Amino acid sequence: MNVDRLVLAFAGTMILLSAALAYFVHLNWLALTAFVGLNLLQSSFTGFCPLATVLRKMGFQAGCAFGG
């Protein structure tokens, strides 16, 4: 699995988790959903993703989106 797919999988998991926490625990968990969404949006314009940088340093193969 390359960095691009891992970033998308992590973002999707975090969004689903925060939506579930907002439903079952407290609506303030939607702030996590907004943070992940904003991070995805800014990375689409800038090409910079902190998670992608960490994953590359961990040795995962870079994909075409976050090739660095």
PDB file of N, CA and C in Angstrom:
ATOM      1  N   MET A   1       0.859  -1.171   0.000  1.00  0.00           N
ATOM      2  CA  MET A   1       0.000   0.000   0.000  1.00  0.00           C
ATOM      3  C   MET A   1       0.907   1.237   0.000  1.00  0.00           C
ATOM      4  N   ASN A   2       0.590   2.192  -0.847  1.00  0.00           N
ATOM      5  CA  ASN A   2       1.427   3.389  -0.910  1.00  0.00           C
ATOM      6  C   ASN A   2       0.860   4.500  -0.017  1.00  0.00           C
ATOM      7  N   VAL A   3       1.619   5.577   0.080  1.00  0.00           N
ATOM      8  CA  VAL A   3       1.276   6.686   0.968  1.00  0.00           C
ATOM      9  C   VAL A   3      -0.075   7.290   0.609  1.00  0.00           C
ATOM     10  N   ASP A   4      -0.356   7.444  -0.672  1.00  0.00           N
ATOM     11  CA  ASP A   4      -1.627   8.055  -1.094  1.00  0.00           C
ATOM     12  C   ASP A   4      -2.822   7.276  -0.558  1.00  0.00           C
ATOM     13  N   ARG A   5      -2.778   5.983  -0.727  1.00  0.00           N
ATOM     14  CA  ARG A   5      -3.903   5.154  -0.261  1.00  0.00           C
ATOM     15  C   ARG A   5      -4.001   5.143   1.259  1.00  0.00           C
ATOM     16  N   LEU A   6      -2.856   5.147   1.930  1.00  0.00           N
ATOM     17  CA  LEU A   6      -2.876   5.189   3.391  1.00  0.00           C
ATOM     18  C   LEU A   6      -3.460   6.503   3.902  1.00  0.00           C
ATOM     19  N   VAL A   7      -3.114   7.603   3.272  1.00  0.00           N
ATOM     20  CA  VAL A   7      -3.663   8.902   3.676  1.00  0.00           C
ATOM     21  C   VAL A   7      -5.178   8.917   3.488  1.00  0.00           C
ATOM     22  N   LEU A   8      -5.638   8.431   2.356  1.00  0.00           N
ATOM     23  CA  LEU A   8      -7.090   8.400   2.110  1.00  0.00           C
ATOM     24  C   LEU A   8      -7.808   7.473   3.093  1.00  0.00           C
ATOM     25  N   ALA A   9      -7.215   6.318   3.370  1.00  0.00           N
ATOM     26  CA  ALA A   9      -7.820   5.378   4.318  1.00  0.00           C
ATOM     27  C   ALA A   9      -7.870   5.979   5.720  1.00  0.00           C
ATOM     28  N   PHE A  10      -6.785   6.633   6.128  1.00  0.00           N
ATOM     29  CA  PHE A  10      -6.743   7.250   7.448  1.00  0.00           C
ATOM     30  C   PHE A  10      -7.766   8.384   7.553  1.00  0.00           C
ATOM     31  N   ALA A  11      -7.834   9.230   6.532  1.00  0.00           N
ATOM     32  CA  ALA A  11      -8.781  10.347   6.544  1.00  0.00           C
ATOM     33  C   ALA A  11     -10.227   9.835   6.594  1.00  0.00           C
ATOM     34  N   GLY A  12     -10.525   8.844   5.799  1.00  0.00           N
ATOM     35  CA  GLY A  12     -11.875   8.277   5.812  1.00  0.00           C
ATOM     36  C   GLY A  12     -12.229   7.670   7.150  1.00  0.00           C
ATOM     37  N   THR A  13     -11.276   6.967   7.747  1.00  0.00           N
ATOM     38  CA  THR A  13     -11.500   6.367   9.057  1.00  0.00           C
ATOM     39  C   THR A  13     -11.738   7.431  10.115  1.00  0.00           C
ATOM     40  N   MET A  14     -10.937   8.491  10.083  1.00  0.00           N
ATOM     41  CA  MET A  14     -11.093   9.563  11.067  1.00  0.00           C
ATOM     42  C   MET A  14     -12.434  10.284  10.909  1.00  0.00           C
ATOM     43  N   ILE A  15     -12.867  10.491   9.687  1.00  0.00           N
ATOM     44  CA  ILE A  15     -14.150  11.146   9.455  1.00  0.00           C
ATOM     45  C   ILE A  15     -15.302  10.280   9.953  1.00  0.00           C
ATOM     46  N   LEU A  16     -15.259   9.000   9.639  1.00  0.00           N
ATOM     47  CA  LEU A  16     -16.318   8.104  10.117  1.00  0.00           C
ATOM     48  C   LEU A  16     -16.312   7.983  11.639  1.00  0.00           C
ATOM     49  N   LEU A  17     -15.118   7.896  12.220  1.00  0.00           N
ATOM     50  CA  LEU A  17     -15.012   7.804  13.672  1.00  0.00           C
ATOM     51  C   LEU A  17     -15.548   9.068  14.346  1.00  0.00           C
ATOM     52  N   SER A  18     -15.169  10.229  13.841  1.00  0.00           N
ATOM     53  CA  SER A  18     -15.636  11.465  14.466  1.00  0.00           C
ATOM     54  C   SER A  18     -17.137  11.670  14.262  1.00  0.00           C
ATOM     55  N   ALA A  19     -17.669  11.236  13.136  1.00  0.00           N
ATOM     56  CA  ALA A  19     -19.117  11.328  12.936  1.00  0.00           C
ATOM     57  C   ALA A  19     -19.852  10.414  13.922  1.00  0.00           C
ATOM     58  N   ALA A  20     -19.319   9.213  14.150  1.00  0.00           N
ATOM     59  CA  ALA A  20     -19.926   8.304  15.124  1.00  0.00           C
ATOM     60  C   ALA A  20     -19.826   8.871  16.537  1.00  0.00           C
ATOM     61  N   LEU A  21     -18.668   9.432  16.875  1.00  0.00           N
ATOM     62  CA  LEU A  21     -18.510  10.038  18.197  1.00  0.00           C
ATOM     63  C   LEU A  21     -19.438  11.239  18.371  1.00  0.00           C
ATOM     64  N   ALA A  22     -19.643  12.006  17.322  1.00  0.00           N
ATOM     65  CA  ALA A  22     -20.567  13.143  17.398  1.00  0.00           C
ATOM     66  C   ALA A  22     -21.990  12.658  17.622  1.00  0.00           C
ATOM     67  N   TYR A  23     -22.343  11.558  17.012  1.00  0.00           N
ATOM     68  CA  TYR A  23     -23.702  11.029  17.153  1.00  0.00           C
ATOM     69  C   TYR A  23     -23.923  10.416  18.543  1.00  0.00           C
ATOM     70  N   PHE A  24     -22.935   9.634  18.997  1.00  0.00           N
ATOM     71  CA  PHE A  24     -23.126   8.885  20.236  1.00  0.00           C
ATOM     72  C   PHE A  24     -22.618   9.594  21.488  1.00  0.00           C
ATOM     73  N   VAL A  25     -21.669  10.500  21.362  1.00  0.00           N
ATOM     74  CA  VAL A  25     -21.060  11.107  22.541  1.00  0.00           C
ATOM     75  C   VAL A  25     -21.421  12.588  22.655  1.00  0.00           C
ATOM     76  N   HIS A  26     -20.896  13.405  21.737  1.00  0.00           N
ATOM     77  CA  HIS A  26     -21.148  14.845  21.806  1.00  0.00           C
ATOM     78  C   HIS A  26     -20.889  15.468  20.446  1.00  0.00           C
ATOM     79  N   LEU A  27     -21.674  16.469  20.096  1.00  0.00           N
ATOM     80  CA  LEU A  27     -21.553  17.121  18.792  1.00  0.00           C
ATOM     81  C   LEU A  27     -20.213  17.829  18.574  1.00  0.00           C
ATOM     82  N   ASN A  28     -19.501  18.118  19.633  1.00  0.00           N
ATOM     83  CA  ASN A  28     -18.204  18.786  19.488  1.00  0.00           C
ATOM     84  C   ASN A  28     -17.196  17.927  18.725  1.00  0.00           C
ATOM     85  N   TRP A  29     -17.427  16.634  18.611  1.00  0.00           N
ATOM     86  CA  TRP A  29     -16.539  15.763  17.832  1.00  0.00           C
ATOM     87  C   TRP A  29     -16.572  16.105  16.351  1.00  0.00           C
ATOM     88  N   LEU A  30     -17.552  16.878  15.919  1.00  0.00           N
ATOM     89  CA  LEU A  30     -17.582  17.302  14.519  1.00  0.00           C
ATOM     90  C   LEU A  30     -16.418  18.232  14.185  1.00  0.00           C
ATOM     91  N   ALA A  31     -15.794  18.797  15.203  1.00  0.00           N
ATOM     92  CA  ALA A  31     -14.603  19.620  14.970  1.00  0.00           C
ATOM     93  C   ALA A  31     -13.488  18.774  14.359  1.00  0.00           C
ATOM     94  N   LEU A  32     -13.378  17.522  14.766  1.00  0.00           N
ATOM     95  CA  LEU A  32     -12.381  16.619  14.174  1.00  0.00           C
ATOM     96  C   LEU A  32     -12.707  16.365  12.707  1.00  0.00           C
ATOM     97  N   THR A  33     -13.965  16.195  12.386  1.00  0.00           N
ATOM     98  CA  THR A  33     -14.383  16.022  10.999  1.00  0.00           C
ATOM     99  C   THR A  33     -13.992  17.245  10.176  1.00  0.00           C
ATOM    100  N   ALA A  34     -14.247  18.426  10.724  1.00  0.00           N
ATOM    101  CA  ALA A  34     -13.892  19.666  10.022  1.00  0.00           C
ATOM    102  C   ALA A  34     -12.381  19.782   9.847  1.00  0.00           C
ATOM    103  N   PHE A  35     -11.608  19.420  10.855  1.00  0.00           N
ATOM    104  CA  PHE A  35     -10.148  19.480  10.767  1.00  0.00           C
ATOM    105  C   PHE A  35      -9.622  18.565   9.672  1.00  0.00           C
ATOM    106  N   VAL A  36     -10.115  17.341   9.622  1.00  0.00           N
ATOM    107  CA  VAL A  36      -9.669  16.398   8.596  1.00  0.00           C
ATOM    108  C   VAL A  36     -10.073  16.897   7.212  1.00  0.00           C
ATOM    109  N   GLY A  37     -11.292  17.390   7.083  1.00  0.00           N
ATOM    110  CA  GLY A  37     -11.752  17.916   5.797  1.00  0.00           C
ATOM    111  C   GLY A  37     -10.943  19.108   5.329  1.00  0.00           C
ATOM    112  N   LEU A  38     -10.638  20.020   6.242  1.00  0.00           N
ATOM    113  CA  LEU A  38      -9.824  21.185   5.883  1.00  0.00           C
ATOM    114  C   LEU A  38      -8.402  20.778   5.505  1.00  0.00           C
ATOM    115  N   ASN A  39      -7.864  19.782   6.198  1.00  0.00           N
ATOM    116  CA  ASN A  39      -6.527  19.297   5.873  1.00  0.00           C
ATOM    117  C   ASN A  39      -6.512  18.660   4.488  1.00  0.00           C
ATOM    118  N   LEU A  40      -7.537  17.911   4.154  1.00  0.00           N
ATOM    119  CA  LEU A  40      -7.633  17.331   2.814  1.00  0.00           C
ATOM    120  C   LEU A  40      -7.740  18.418   1.749  1.00  0.00           C
ATOM    121  N   LEU A  41      -8.520  19.447   2.043  1.00  0.00           N
ATOM    122  CA  LEU A  41      -8.689  20.548   1.097  1.00  0.00           C
ATOM    123  C   LEU A  41      -7.376  21.298   0.873  1.00  0.00           C
ATOM    124  N   GLN A  42      -6.679  21.647   1.950  1.00  0.00           N
ATOM    125  CA  GLN A  42      -5.426  22.385   1.783  1.00  0.00           C
ATOM    126  C   GLN A  42      -4.373  21.522   1.100  1.00  0.00           C
ATOM    127  N   SER A  43      -4.361  20.221   1.365  1.00  0.00           N
ATOM    128  CA  SER A  43      -3.364  19.372   0.702  1.00  0.00           C
ATOM    129  C   SER A  43      -3.650  19.218  -0.788  1.00  0.00           C
ATOM    130  N   SER A  44      -4.908  19.370  -1.177  1.00  0.00           N
ATOM    131  CA  SER A  44      -5.222  19.300  -2.608  1.00  0.00           C
ATOM    132  C   SER A  44      -4.677  20.508  -3.359  1.00  0.00           C
ATOM    133  N   PHE A  45      -4.568  21.651  -2.665  1.00  0.00           N
ATOM    134  CA  PHE A  45      -4.028  22.857  -3.299  1.00  0.00           C
ATOM    135  C   PHE A  45      -2.512  22.957  -3.163  1.00  0.00           C
ATOM    136  N   THR A  46      -1.984  22.578  -1.999  1.00  0.00           N
ATOM    137  CA  THR A  46      -0.562  22.782  -1.734  1.00  0.00           C
ATOM    138  C   THR A  46       0.288  21.553  -2.013  1.00  0.00           C
ATOM    139  N   GLY A  47      -0.307  20.374  -1.969  1.00  0.00           N
ATOM    140  CA  GLY A  47       0.457  19.137  -2.123  1.00  0.00           C
ATOM    141  C   GLY A  47       1.178  18.723  -0.856  1.00  0.00           C
ATOM    142  N   PHE A  48       0.972  19.460   0.247  1.00  0.00           N
ATOM    143  CA  PHE A  48       1.614  19.148   1.524  1.00  0.00           C
ATOM    144  C   PHE A  48       0.617  18.465   2.445  1.00  0.00           C
ATOM    145  N   CYS A  49       1.006  17.302   2.964  1.00  0.00           N
ATOM    146  CA  CYS A  49       0.184  16.583   3.925  1.00  0.00           C
ATOM    147  C   CYS A  49       1.105  16.073   5.037  1.00  0.00           C
ATOM    148  N   PRO A  50       0.883  16.514   6.274  1.00  0.00           N
ATOM    149  CA  PRO A  50       1.746  16.075   7.369  1.00  0.00           C
ATOM    150  C   PRO A  50       1.774  14.552   7.527  1.00  0.00           C
ATOM    151  N   LEU A  51       0.636  13.903   7.374  1.00  0.00           N
ATOM    152  CA  LEU A  51       0.597  12.442   7.498  1.00  0.00           C
ATOM    153  C   LEU A  51       1.427  11.783   6.416  1.00  0.00           C
ATOM    154  N   ALA A  52       1.377  12.290   5.208  1.00  0.00           N
ATOM    155  CA  ALA A  52       2.170  11.717   4.118  1.00  0.00           C
ATOM    156  C   ALA A  52       3.658  11.826   4.423  1.00  0.00           C
ATOM    157  N   THR A  53       4.073  12.936   5.011  1.00  0.00           N
ATOM    158  CA  THR A  53       5.477  13.114   5.382  1.00  0.00           C
ATOM    159  C   THR A  53       5.893  12.077   6.421  1.00  0.00           C
ATOM    160  N   VAL A  54       5.057  11.870   7.421  1.00  0.00           N
ATOM    161  CA  VAL A  54       5.353  10.883   8.464  1.00  0.00           C
ATOM    162  C   VAL A  54       5.412   9.476   7.870  1.00  0.00           C
ATOM    163  N   LEU A  55       4.458   9.154   7.014  1.00  0.00           N
ATOM    164  CA  LEU A  55       4.428   7.817   6.421  1.00  0.00           C
ATOM    165  C   LEU A  55       5.647   7.560   5.538  1.00  0.00           C
ATOM    166  N   ARG A  56       6.094   8.566   4.790  1.00  0.00           N
ATOM    167  CA  ARG A  56       7.299   8.409   3.967  1.00  0.00           C
ATOM    168  C   ARG A  56       8.520   8.168   4.843  1.00  0.00           C
ATOM    169  N   LYS A  57       8.604   8.879   5.972  1.00  0.00           N
ATOM    170  CA  LYS A  57       9.724   8.682   6.890  1.00  0.00           C
ATOM    171  C   LYS A  57       9.679   7.310   7.539  1.00  0.00           C
ATOM    172  N   MET A  58       8.485   6.721   7.628  1.00  0.00           N
ATOM    173  CA  MET A  58       8.342   5.373   8.175  1.00  0.00           C
ATOM    174  C   MET A  58       8.702   4.307   7.150  1.00  0.00           C
ATOM    175  N   GLY A  59       8.929   4.725   5.905  1.00  0.00           N
ATOM    176  CA  GLY A  59       9.382   3.780   4.895  1.00  0.00           C
ATOM    177  C   GLY A  59       8.340   3.342   3.890  1.00  0.00           C
ATOM    178  N   PHE A  60       7.154   3.915   3.939  1.00  0.00           N
ATOM    179  CA  PHE A  60       6.143   3.545   2.959  1.00  0.00           C
ATOM    180  C   PHE A  60       6.466   4.181   1.610  1.00  0.00           C
ATOM    181  N   GLN A  61       6.120   3.480   0.559  1.00  0.00           N
ATOM    182  CA  GLN A  61       6.411   3.941  -0.789  1.00  0.00           C
ATOM    183  C   GLN A  61       5.496   5.109  -1.161  1.00  0.00           C
ATOM    184  N   ALA A  62       6.093   6.165  -1.713  1.00  0.00           N
ATOM    185  CA  ALA A  62       5.320   7.335  -2.110  1.00  0.00           C
ATOM    186  C   ALA A  62       4.468   7.027  -3.331  1.00  0.00           C
ATOM    187  N   GLY A  63       3.287   7.639  -3.364  1.00  0.00           N
ATOM    188  CA  GLY A  63       2.423   7.522  -4.538  1.00  0.00           C
ATOM    189  C   GLY A  63       2.585   8.743  -5.414  1.00  0.00           C
ATOM    190  N   CYS A  64       1.705   8.901  -6.380  1.00  0.00           N
ATOM    191  CA  CYS A  64       1.838  10.035  -7.313  1.00  0.00           C
ATOM    192  C   CYS A  64       1.360  11.351  -6.701  1.00  0.00           C
ATOM    193  N   ALA A  65       0.440  11.329  -5.741  1.00  0.00           N
ATOM    194  CA  ALA A  65      -0.071  12.574  -5.171  1.00  0.00           C
ATOM    195  C   ALA A  65       0.895  13.202  -4.178  1.00  0.00           C
ATOM    196  N   PHE A  66       1.503  12.386  -3.359  1.00  0.00           N
ATOM    197  CA  PHE A  66       2.408  12.889  -2.325  1.00  0.00           C
ATOM    198  C   PHE A  66       3.806  12.335  -2.547  1.00  0.00           C
ATOM    199  N   GLY A  67       4.280  12.425  -3.776  1.00  0.00           N
ATOM    200  CA  GLY A  67       5.583  11.875  -4.129  1.00  0.00           C
ATOM    201  C   GLY A  67       6.755  12.594  -3.493  1.00  0.00           C
ATOM    202  N   GLY A  68       6.519  13.844  -3.121  1.00  0.00           N
ATOM    203  CA  GLY A  68       7.517  14.611  -2.411  1.00  0.00           C
ATOM    204  C   GLY A  68       8.756  14.826  -3.174  1.00  0.00           C
TER     205      GLY A  68
END
